[in-house]
Amino acid sequence: EEEKMEMELSKILGKYENSQFTNAEINVLANC
């Protein structure tokens, strides 16, 4: 769960431009 949250938030809050995803540069730490 913790690994999913840390990866997924970066993809969701990132951008989709020129047919590719760019992850957001946000440091995410999770305890579940």
PDB file of all heavy atoms in Angstrom:
ATOM      1  N   GLU A   1       0.811  -1.218   0.000  1.00  0.00           N
ATOM      2  CA  GLU A   1       0.000   0.000   0.000  1.00  0.00           C
ATOM      3  C   GLU A   1       0.846   1.270   0.000  1.00  0.00           C
ATOM      4  O   GLU A   1       0.575   2.212  -0.749  1.00  0.00           O
ATOM      5  CB  GLU A   1      -0.922  -0.015   1.215  1.00  0.00           C
ATOM      6  CG  GLU A   1      -2.086   0.945   1.136  1.00  0.00           C
ATOM      7  CD  GLU A   1      -3.262   0.374   0.362  1.00  0.00           C
ATOM      8  OE1 GLU A   1      -3.129  -0.726  -0.211  1.00  0.00           O
ATOM      9  OE2 GLU A   1      -4.303   1.043   0.324  1.00  0.00           O
ATOM     10  N   GLU A   2       1.857   1.300   0.850  1.00  0.00           N
ATOM     11  CA  GLU A   2       2.665   2.511   0.953  1.00  0.00           C
ATOM     12  C   GLU A   2       3.413   2.798  -0.347  1.00  0.00           C
ATOM     13  O   GLU A   2       3.473   3.948  -0.815  1.00  0.00           O
ATOM     14  CB  GLU A   2       3.636   2.375   2.129  1.00  0.00           C
ATOM     15  CG  GLU A   2       2.910   2.334   3.458  1.00  0.00           C
ATOM     16  CD  GLU A   2       3.723   1.734   4.592  1.00  0.00           C
ATOM     17  OE1 GLU A   2       4.891   1.362   4.365  1.00  0.00           O
ATOM     18  OE2 GLU A   2       3.179   1.645   5.708  1.00  0.00           O
ATOM     19  N   GLU A   3       3.947   1.735  -0.952  1.00  0.00           N
ATOM     20  CA  GLU A   3       4.664   1.906  -2.212  1.00  0.00           C
ATOM     21  C   GLU A   3       3.728   2.404  -3.315  1.00  0.00           C
ATOM     22  O   GLU A   3       4.094   3.274  -4.121  1.00  0.00           O
ATOM     23  CB  GLU A   3       5.310   0.580  -2.624  1.00  0.00           C
ATOM     24  CG  GLU A   3       6.416   0.098  -1.695  1.00  0.00           C
ATOM     25  CD  GLU A   3       5.893  -0.656  -0.474  1.00  0.00           C
ATOM     26  OE1 GLU A   3       4.647  -0.794  -0.323  1.00  0.00           O
ATOM     27  OE2 GLU A   3       6.717  -1.104   0.339  1.00  0.00           O
ATOM     28  N   LYS A   4       2.498   1.862  -3.360  1.00  0.00           N
ATOM     29  CA  LYS A   4       1.528   2.303  -4.369  1.00  0.00           C
ATOM     30  C   LYS A   4       1.220   3.786  -4.205  1.00  0.00           C
ATOM     31  O   LYS A   4       1.197   4.542  -5.187  1.00  0.00           O
ATOM     32  CB  LYS A   4       0.234   1.495  -4.240  1.00  0.00           C
ATOM     33  CG  LYS A   4       0.331   0.051  -4.670  1.00  0.00           C
ATOM     34  CD  LYS A   4      -0.998  -0.655  -4.391  1.00  0.00           C
ATOM     35  CE  LYS A   4      -0.905  -2.142  -4.603  1.00  0.00           C
ATOM     36  NZ  LYS A   4      -2.158  -2.834  -4.205  1.00  0.00           N
ATOM     37  N   MET A   5       0.964   4.208  -2.973  1.00  0.00           N
ATOM     38  CA  MET A   5       0.613   5.605  -2.750  1.00  0.00           C
ATOM     39  C   MET A   5       1.738   6.541  -3.191  1.00  0.00           C
ATOM     40  O   MET A   5       1.498   7.563  -3.846  1.00  0.00           O
ATOM     41  CB  MET A   5       0.301   5.843  -1.273  1.00  0.00           C
ATOM     42  CG  MET A   5      -0.955   5.166  -0.776  1.00  0.00           C
ATOM     43  SD  MET A   5      -1.389   5.709   0.873  1.00  0.00           S
ATOM     44  CE  MET A   5      -2.055   7.344   0.523  1.00  0.00           C
ATOM     45  N   GLU A   6       2.953   6.197  -2.850  1.00  0.00           N
ATOM     46  CA  GLU A   6       4.081   7.073  -3.162  1.00  0.00           C
ATOM     47  C   GLU A   6       4.314   7.185  -4.663  1.00  0.00           C
ATOM     48  O   GLU A   6       4.663   8.252  -5.179  1.00  0.00           O
ATOM     49  CB  GLU A   6       5.325   6.570  -2.436  1.00  0.00           C
ATOM     50  CG  GLU A   6       5.214   6.741  -0.919  1.00  0.00           C
ATOM     51  CD  GLU A   6       6.304   6.045  -0.125  1.00  0.00           C
ATOM     52  OE1 GLU A   6       7.166   5.378  -0.746  1.00  0.00           O
ATOM     53  OE2 GLU A   6       6.304   6.159   1.104  1.00  0.00           O
ATOM     54  N   MET A   7       4.092   6.077  -5.401  1.00  0.00           N
ATOM     55  CA  MET A   7       4.249   6.110  -6.857  1.00  0.00           C
ATOM     56  C   MET A   7       3.063   6.778  -7.543  1.00  0.00           C
ATOM     57  O   MET A   7       3.218   7.589  -8.451  1.00  0.00           O
ATOM     58  CB  MET A   7       4.420   4.691  -7.403  1.00  0.00           C
ATOM     59  CG  MET A   7       5.739   4.038  -7.102  1.00  0.00           C
ATOM     60  SD  MET A   7       5.948   2.500  -8.039  1.00  0.00           S
ATOM     61  CE  MET A   7       4.562   1.520  -7.448  1.00  0.00           C
ATOM     62  N   GLU A   8       1.862   6.422  -7.111  1.00  0.00           N
ATOM     63  CA  GLU A   8       0.665   6.842  -7.827  1.00  0.00           C
ATOM     64  C   GLU A   8       0.418   8.348  -7.739  1.00  0.00           C
ATOM     65  O   GLU A   8       0.024   8.983  -8.726  1.00  0.00           O
ATOM     66  CB  GLU A   8      -0.549   6.072  -7.306  1.00  0.00           C
ATOM     67  CG  GLU A   8      -0.528   4.603  -7.681  1.00  0.00           C
ATOM     68  CD  GLU A   8      -1.679   3.812  -7.091  1.00  0.00           C
ATOM     69  OE1 GLU A   8      -2.599   4.417  -6.498  1.00  0.00           O
ATOM     70  OE2 GLU A   8      -1.646   2.574  -7.228  1.00  0.00           O
ATOM     71  N   LEU A   9       0.642   8.928  -6.575  1.00  0.00           N
ATOM     72  CA  LEU A   9       0.414  10.364  -6.448  1.00  0.00           C
ATOM     73  C   LEU A   9       1.299  11.163  -7.399  1.00  0.00           C
ATOM     74  O   LEU A   9       0.861  12.167  -7.981  1.00  0.00           O
ATOM     75  CB  LEU A   9       0.649  10.814  -5.007  1.00  0.00           C
ATOM     76  CG  LEU A   9      -0.500  10.584  -4.042  1.00  0.00           C
ATOM     77  CD1 LEU A   9      -0.065  10.826  -2.605  1.00  0.00           C
ATOM     78  CD2 LEU A   9      -1.705  11.471  -4.393  1.00  0.00           C
ATOM     79  N   SER A  10       2.520  10.716  -7.589  1.00  0.00           N
ATOM     80  CA  SER A  10       3.426  11.433  -8.496  1.00  0.00           C
ATOM     81  C   SER A  10       2.925  11.385  -9.935  1.00  0.00           C
ATOM     82  O   SER A  10       3.028  12.367 -10.674  1.00  0.00           O
ATOM     83  CB  SER A  10       4.838  10.837  -8.406  1.00  0.00           C
ATOM     84  OG  SER A  10       5.389  11.065  -7.127  1.00  0.00           O
ATOM     85  N   LYS A  11       2.361  10.246 -10.337  1.00  0.00           N
ATOM     86  CA  LYS A  11       1.820  10.133 -11.700  1.00  0.00           C
ATOM     87  C   LYS A  11       0.545  10.952 -11.852  1.00  0.00           C
ATOM     88  O   LYS A  11       0.364  11.681 -12.830  1.00  0.00           O
ATOM     89  CB  LYS A  11       1.560   8.671 -12.053  1.00  0.00           C
ATOM     90  CG  LYS A  11       1.064   8.465 -13.490  1.00  0.00           C
ATOM     91  CD  LYS A  11       0.935   7.004 -13.857  1.00  0.00           C
ATOM     92  CE  LYS A  11       0.473   6.836 -15.299  1.00  0.00           C
ATOM     93  NZ  LYS A  11       0.356   5.415 -15.711  1.00  0.00           N
ATOM     94  N   ILE A  12      -0.350  10.860 -10.879  1.00  0.00           N
ATOM     95  CA  ILE A  12      -1.637  11.564 -10.957  1.00  0.00           C
ATOM     96  C   ILE A  12      -1.443  13.073 -10.999  1.00  0.00           C
ATOM     97  O   ILE A  12      -2.098  13.779 -11.777  1.00  0.00           O
ATOM     98  CB  ILE A  12      -2.525  11.169  -9.761  1.00  0.00           C
ATOM     99  CG1 ILE A  12      -2.956   9.705  -9.887  1.00  0.00           C
ATOM    100  CG2 ILE A  12      -3.756  12.067  -9.658  1.00  0.00           C
ATOM    101  CD1 ILE A  12      -3.481   9.122  -8.597  1.00  0.00           C
ATOM    102  N   LEU A  13      -0.573  13.591 -10.147  1.00  0.00           N
ATOM    103  CA  LEU A  13      -0.367  15.035 -10.059  1.00  0.00           C
ATOM    104  C   LEU A  13       0.625  15.563 -11.090  1.00  0.00           C
ATOM    105  O   LEU A  13       0.877  16.760 -11.155  1.00  0.00           O
ATOM    106  CB  LEU A  13       0.085  15.410  -8.649  1.00  0.00           C
ATOM    107  CG  LEU A  13      -0.922  15.102  -7.535  1.00  0.00           C
ATOM    108  CD1 LEU A  13      -0.327  15.440  -6.174  1.00  0.00           C
ATOM    109  CD2 LEU A  13      -2.245  15.833  -7.746  1.00  0.00           C
ATOM    110  N   GLY A  14       1.181  14.658 -11.896  1.00  0.00           N
ATOM    111  CA  GLY A  14       2.098  15.060 -12.953  1.00  0.00           C
ATOM    112  C   GLY A  14       1.366  15.477 -14.218  1.00  0.00           C
ATOM    113  O   GLY A  14       0.149  15.673 -14.229  1.00  0.00           O
ATOM    114  N   LYS A  15       2.097  15.596 -15.307  1.00  0.00           N
ATOM    115  CA  LYS A  15       1.537  16.088 -16.573  1.00  0.00           C
ATOM    116  C   LYS A  15       1.554  14.992 -17.631  1.00  0.00           C
ATOM    117  O   LYS A  15       2.326  14.038 -17.564  1.00  0.00           O
ATOM    118  CB  LYS A  15       2.348  17.294 -17.064  1.00  0.00           C
ATOM    119  CG  LYS A  15       2.284  18.503 -16.146  1.00  0.00           C
ATOM    120  CD  LYS A  15       3.118  19.654 -16.696  1.00  0.00           C
ATOM    121  CE  LYS A  15       3.040  20.872 -15.779  1.00  0.00           C
ATOM    122  NZ  LYS A  15       3.868  21.993 -16.293  1.00  0.00           N
ATOM    123  N   TYR A  16       0.670  15.158 -18.618  1.00  0.00           N
ATOM    124  CA  TYR A  16       0.700  14.326 -19.817  1.00  0.00           C
ATOM    125  C   TYR A  16       0.840  15.253 -21.016  1.00  0.00           C
ATOM    126  O   TYR A  16      -0.090  15.984 -21.373  1.00  0.00           O
ATOM    127  CB  TYR A  16      -0.569  13.485 -19.943  1.00  0.00           C
ATOM    128  CG  TYR A  16      -0.544  12.569 -21.153  1.00  0.00           C
ATOM    129  CD1 TYR A  16       0.267  11.440 -21.161  1.00  0.00           C
ATOM    130  CD2 TYR A  16      -1.302  12.856 -22.281  1.00  0.00           C
ATOM    131  CE1 TYR A  16       0.320  10.613 -22.274  1.00  0.00           C
ATOM    132  CE2 TYR A  16      -1.258  12.035 -23.397  1.00  0.00           C
ATOM    133  CZ  TYR A  16      -0.448  10.906 -23.382  1.00  0.00           C
ATOM    134  OH  TYR A  16      -0.396  10.085 -24.486  1.00  0.00           O
ATOM    135  N   GLU A  17       2.034  15.259 -21.590  1.00  0.00           N
ATOM    136  CA  GLU A  17       2.344  16.141 -22.711  1.00  0.00           C
ATOM    137  C   GLU A  17       3.194  15.388 -23.722  1.00  0.00           C
ATOM    138  O   GLU A  17       4.033  14.557 -23.349  1.00  0.00           O
ATOM    139  CB  GLU A  17       3.107  17.388 -22.242  1.00  0.00           C
ATOM    140  CG  GLU A  17       2.319  18.289 -21.307  1.00  0.00           C
ATOM    141  CD  GLU A  17       3.147  19.442 -20.769  1.00  0.00           C
ATOM    142  OE1 GLU A  17       4.374  19.267 -20.606  1.00  0.00           O
ATOM    143  OE2 GLU A  17       2.571  20.506 -20.509  1.00  0.00           O
ATOM    144  N   ASN A  18       2.979  15.680 -25.005  1.00  0.00           N
ATOM    145  CA  ASN A  18       3.756  15.053 -26.078  1.00  0.00           C
ATOM    146  C   ASN A  18       3.738  13.530 -25.959  1.00  0.00           C
ATOM    147  O   ASN A  18       4.763  12.854 -26.105  1.00  0.00           O
ATOM    148  CB  ASN A  18       5.198  15.575 -26.071  1.00  0.00           C
ATOM    149  CG  ASN A  18       5.262  17.076 -26.253  1.00  0.00           C
ATOM    150  OD1 ASN A  18       4.539  17.643 -27.061  1.00  0.00           O
ATOM    151  ND2 ASN A  18       6.126  17.727 -25.473  1.00  0.00           N
ATOM    152  N   SER A  19       2.549  13.015 -25.639  1.00  0.00           N
ATOM    153  CA  SER A  19       2.305  11.568 -25.576  1.00  0.00           C
ATOM    154  C   SER A  19       3.128  10.861 -24.507  1.00  0.00           C
ATOM    155  O   SER A  19       3.439   9.670 -24.637  1.00  0.00           O
ATOM    156  CB  SER A  19       2.565  10.905 -26.946  1.00  0.00           C
ATOM    157  OG  SER A  19       1.675  11.418 -27.907  1.00  0.00           O
ATOM    158  N   GLN A  20       3.479  11.573 -23.441  1.00  0.00           N
ATOM    159  CA  GLN A  20       4.166  10.892 -22.349  1.00  0.00           C
ATOM    160  C   GLN A  20       3.846  11.550 -21.009  1.00  0.00           C
ATOM    161  O   GLN A  20       3.524  12.729 -20.930  1.00  0.00           O
ATOM    162  CB  GLN A  20       5.672  10.864 -22.575  1.00  0.00           C
ATOM    163  CG  GLN A  20       6.356  12.214 -22.585  1.00  0.00           C
ATOM    164  CD  GLN A  20       7.845  12.098 -22.832  1.00  0.00           C
ATOM    165  OE1 GLN A  20       8.343  11.051 -23.243  1.00  0.00           O
ATOM    166  NE2 GLN A  20       8.578  13.164 -22.583  1.00  0.00           N
ATOM    167  N   PHE A  21       3.916  10.725 -19.958  1.00  0.00           N
ATOM    168  CA  PHE A  21       3.681  11.190 -18.600  1.00  0.00           C
ATOM    169  C   PHE A  21       4.980  11.731 -18.010  1.00  0.00           C
ATOM    170  O   PHE A  21       6.050  11.150 -18.186  1.00  0.00           O
ATOM    171  CB  PHE A  21       3.180  10.050 -17.707  1.00  0.00           C
ATOM    172  CG  PHE A  21       1.811   9.547 -18.073  1.00  0.00           C
ATOM    173  CD1 PHE A  21       1.651   8.337 -18.716  1.00  0.00           C
ATOM    174  CD2 PHE A  21       0.686  10.293 -17.757  1.00  0.00           C
ATOM    175  CE1 PHE A  21       0.388   7.862 -19.047  1.00  0.00           C
ATOM    176  CE2 PHE A  21      -0.585   9.832 -18.086  1.00  0.00           C
ATOM    177  CZ  PHE A  21      -0.735   8.612 -18.736  1.00  0.00           C
ATOM    178  N   THR A  22       4.857  12.837 -17.283  1.00  0.00           N
ATOM    179  CA  THR A  22       5.962  13.367 -16.497  1.00  0.00           C
ATOM    180  C   THR A  22       5.493  13.455 -15.053  1.00  0.00           C
ATOM    181  O   THR A  22       4.527  14.169 -14.756  1.00  0.00           O
ATOM    182  CB  THR A  22       6.381  14.774 -16.984  1.00  0.00           C
ATOM    183  OG1 THR A  22       6.738  14.699 -18.367  1.00  0.00           O
ATOM    184  CG2 THR A  22       7.551  15.298 -16.171  1.00  0.00           C
ATOM    185  N   ASN A  23       6.151  12.730 -14.173  1.00  0.00           N
ATOM    186  CA  ASN A  23       5.729  12.699 -12.771  1.00  0.00           C
ATOM    187  C   ASN A  23       5.957  14.041 -12.084  1.00  0.00           C
ATOM    188  O   ASN A  23       6.899  14.768 -12.401  1.00  0.00           O
ATOM    189  CB  ASN A  23       6.483  11.615 -12.008  1.00  0.00           C
ATOM    190  CG  ASN A  23       6.001  10.218 -12.353  1.00  0.00           C
ATOM    191  OD1 ASN A  23       4.985  10.050 -13.026  1.00  0.00           O
ATOM    192  ND2 ASN A  23       6.724   9.215 -11.906  1.00  0.00           N
ATOM    193  N   ALA A  24       5.087  14.346 -11.145  1.00  0.00           N
ATOM    194  CA  ALA A  24       5.244  15.559 -10.339  1.00  0.00           C
ATOM    195  C   ALA A  24       6.453  15.407  -9.423  1.00  0.00           C
ATOM    196  O   ALA A  24       6.725  14.327  -8.896  1.00  0.00           O
ATOM    197  CB  ALA A  24       3.994  15.797  -9.510  1.00  0.00           C
ATOM    198  N   GLU A  25       7.163  16.499  -9.223  1.00  0.00           N
ATOM    199  CA  GLU A  25       8.335  16.477  -8.335  1.00  0.00           C
ATOM    200  C   GLU A  25       7.886  16.811  -6.916  1.00  0.00           C
ATOM    201  O   GLU A  25       8.124  17.900  -6.390  1.00  0.00           O
ATOM    202  CB  GLU A  25       9.388  17.453  -8.844  1.00  0.00           C
ATOM    203  CG  GLU A  25       9.976  17.047 -10.184  1.00  0.00           C
ATOM    204  CD  GLU A  25      11.088  17.977 -10.635  1.00  0.00           C
ATOM    205  OE1 GLU A  25      11.394  18.936  -9.902  1.00  0.00           O
ATOM    206  OE2 GLU A  25      11.645  17.740 -11.726  1.00  0.00           O
ATOM    207  N   ILE A  26       7.209  15.853  -6.304  1.00  0.00           N
ATOM    208  CA  ILE A  26       6.687  16.003  -4.943  1.00  0.00           C
ATOM    209  C   ILE A  26       7.224  14.850  -4.106  1.00  0.00           C
ATOM    210  O   ILE A  26       7.112  13.685  -4.494  1.00  0.00           O
ATOM    211  CB  ILE A  26       5.144  15.989  -4.932  1.00  0.00           C
ATOM    212  CG1 ILE A  26       4.595  17.152  -5.769  1.00  0.00           C
ATOM    213  CG2 ILE A  26       4.606  16.054  -3.507  1.00  0.00           C
ATOM    214  CD1 ILE A  26       3.103  17.075  -6.019  1.00  0.00           C
ATOM    215  N   ASN A  27       7.811  15.177  -2.981  1.00  0.00           N
ATOM    216  CA  ASN A  27       8.314  14.144  -2.080  1.00  0.00           C
ATOM    217  C   ASN A  27       7.148  13.592  -1.265  1.00  0.00           C
ATOM    218  O   ASN A  27       6.497  14.327  -0.518  1.00  0.00           O
ATOM    219  CB  ASN A  27       9.377  14.739  -1.152  1.00  0.00           C
ATOM    220  CG  ASN A  27      10.118  13.682  -0.367  1.00  0.00           C
ATOM    221  OD1 ASN A  27      10.011  12.500  -0.651  1.00  0.00           O
ATOM    222  ND2 ASN A  27      10.863  14.110   0.631  1.00  0.00           N
ATOM    223  N   VAL A  28       6.846  12.302  -1.433  1.00  0.00           N
ATOM    224  CA  VAL A  28       5.700  11.665  -0.784  1.00  0.00           C
ATOM    225  C   VAL A  28       6.181  10.561   0.148  1.00  0.00           C
ATOM    226  O   VAL A  28       6.939   9.678  -0.250  1.00  0.00           O
ATOM    227  CB  VAL A  28       4.729  11.065  -1.826  1.00  0.00           C
ATOM    228  CG1 VAL A  28       3.540  10.406  -1.134  1.00  0.00           C
ATOM    229  CG2 VAL A  28       4.259  12.131  -2.808  1.00  0.00           C
ATOM    230  N   LEU A  29       5.755  10.611   1.410  1.00  0.00           N
ATOM    231  CA  LEU A  29       6.051   9.572   2.402  1.00  0.00           C
ATOM    232  C   LEU A  29       4.736   9.047   2.954  1.00  0.00           C
ATOM    233  O   LEU A  29       3.844   9.841   3.281  1.00  0.00           O
ATOM    234  CB  LEU A  29       6.898  10.126   3.544  1.00  0.00           C
ATOM    235  CG  LEU A  29       8.241  10.762   3.176  1.00  0.00           C
ATOM    236  CD1 LEU A  29       8.889  11.367   4.414  1.00  0.00           C
ATOM    237  CD2 LEU A  29       9.168   9.728   2.545  1.00  0.00           C
ATOM    238  N   ALA A  30       4.591   7.716   3.047  1.00  0.00           N
ATOM    239  CA  ALA A  30       3.314   7.144   3.477  1.00  0.00           C
ATOM    240  C   ALA A  30       3.512   6.060   4.523  1.00  0.00           C
ATOM    241  O   ALA A  30       4.434   5.239   4.438  1.00  0.00           O
ATOM    242  CB  ALA A  30       2.569   6.569   2.279  1.00  0.00           C
ATOM    243  N   ASN A  31       2.635   6.049   5.520  1.00  0.00           N
ATOM    244  CA  ASN A  31       2.477   4.956   6.478  1.00  0.00           C
ATOM    245  C   ASN A  31       1.017   4.517   6.434  1.00  0.00           C
ATOM    246  O   ASN A  31       0.115   5.371   6.511  1.00  0.00           O
ATOM    247  CB  ASN A  31       2.812   5.405   7.903  1.00  0.00           C
ATOM    248  CG  ASN A  31       4.304   5.436   8.159  1.00  0.00           C
ATOM    249  OD1 ASN A  31       5.005   4.474   7.878  1.00  0.00           O
ATOM    250  ND2 ASN A  31       4.797   6.541   8.683  1.00  0.00           N
ATOM    251  N   CYS A  32       0.761   3.218   6.306  1.00  0.00           N
ATOM    252  CA  CYS A  32      -0.599   2.727   6.115  1.00  0.00           C
ATOM    253  C   CYS A  32      -0.988   1.724   7.189  1.00  0.00           C
ATOM    254  O   CYS A  32      -0.225   0.804   7.497  1.00  0.00           O
ATOM    255  CB  CYS A  32      -0.736   2.086   4.737  1.00  0.00           C
ATOM    256  SG  CYS A  32      -0.486   3.257   3.378  1.00  0.00           S
TER     257      CYS A  32
END
